[in-house]
Amino acid sequence: MTTRTYTVTGMACGHCGGFVTEELERVGGVTAVVVDVEGDRVTVTSERELGAAEVRAAVEEAGYELTGVVD
């Protein structure tokens, strides 16, 4: 299992977090997604190491921007 936190901009409410969660849960291997809208952070737990491009694509599909990796 791997857990990584990303900075995501553009989220303003719980619905925004829901859209991001929904798209990230579609990525193969993702087992959990925790969104902190106020902190502009998304923590993703997965069965395998995810590439930044995979995560970025899912976040962008939801309509937001991945701007960095926190840890």
Protein backbone atom coordinates (compact mmCIF):
# COMPACT_ATOMS: atom_id res chain seq x y z
CA MET A 1 0.00 0.00 0.00
CA THR A 2 1.13 3.51 -0.77
CA THR A 3 -0.30 6.77 0.50
CA ARG A 4 0.54 10.10 -1.08
CA THR A 5 -0.89 13.59 -0.61
CA TYR A 6 -1.29 16.03 -3.48
CA THR A 7 -2.09 19.73 -3.70
CA VAL A 8 -5.18 20.36 -5.83
CA THR A 9 -6.43 23.86 -6.61
CA GLY A 10 -9.85 25.05 -7.63
CA MET A 11 -11.95 23.06 -5.16
CA ALA A 12 -14.43 25.27 -3.31
CA CYS A 13 -16.91 22.93 -1.62
CA GLY A 14 -17.81 19.38 -0.76
CA HIS A 15 -19.27 18.80 -4.21
CA CYS A 16 -15.90 19.67 -5.72
CA GLY A 17 -14.25 17.14 -3.43
CA GLY A 18 -16.82 14.57 -4.51
CA PHE A 19 -15.99 15.06 -8.18
CA VAL A 20 -12.26 14.64 -7.48
CA THR A 21 -12.91 11.56 -5.33
CA GLU A 22 -15.07 9.97 -8.01
CA GLU A 23 -12.43 10.39 -10.72
CA LEU A 24 -9.55 9.22 -8.53
CA GLU A 25 -11.47 6.11 -7.45
CA ARG A 26 -11.62 5.12 -11.14
CA VAL A 27 -7.81 4.87 -11.29
CA GLY A 28 -6.74 1.24 -11.07
CA GLY A 29 -5.39 0.25 -7.67
CA VAL A 30 -6.83 3.19 -5.71
CA THR A 31 -8.35 1.96 -2.44
CA ALA A 32 -9.14 5.25 -0.64
CA VAL A 33 -9.36 8.97 -1.32
CA VAL A 34 -9.58 11.68 1.36
CA VAL A 35 -10.20 15.26 0.23
CA ASP A 36 -9.46 18.34 2.35
CA VAL A 37 -11.16 21.12 0.38
CA GLU A 38 -10.09 23.90 2.77
CA GLY A 39 -6.46 22.75 2.70
CA ASP A 40 -6.42 22.15 -1.09
CA ARG A 41 -5.18 18.61 -0.47
CA VAL A 42 -6.12 15.14 -1.63
CA THR A 43 -4.68 12.01 -0.02
CA VAL A 44 -4.75 8.88 -2.15
CA THR A 45 -4.11 5.35 -0.88
CA SER A 46 -3.44 2.69 -3.48
CA GLU A 47 -2.32 -0.89 -3.87
CA ARG A 48 0.49 0.19 -6.17
CA GLU A 49 2.67 3.23 -6.78
CA LEU A 50 0.69 5.70 -8.88
CA GLY A 51 2.34 7.85 -11.49
CA ALA A 52 1.84 11.60 -11.16
CA ALA A 53 0.44 11.65 -14.70
CA GLU A 54 -2.33 9.20 -13.71
CA VAL A 55 -3.34 11.29 -10.72
CA ARG A 56 -3.08 14.55 -12.67
CA ALA A 57 -5.29 13.17 -15.46
CA ALA A 58 -8.00 12.10 -12.99
CA VAL A 59 -7.93 15.47 -11.18
CA GLU A 60 -8.11 17.35 -14.49
CA GLU A 61 -10.98 15.13 -15.66
CA ALA A 62 -12.85 16.31 -12.55
CA GLY A 63 -12.15 19.92 -13.57
CA TYR A 64 -9.37 20.85 -11.14
CA GLU A 65 -5.60 21.25 -11.18
CA LEU A 66 -2.99 19.12 -9.47
CA THR A 67 -0.24 21.56 -8.53
CA GLY A 68 2.13 19.42 -6.49
CA VAL A 69 2.95 16.47 -4.28
CA VAL A 70 3.00 17.15 -0.54
CA ASP A 71 4.75 13.95 0.56
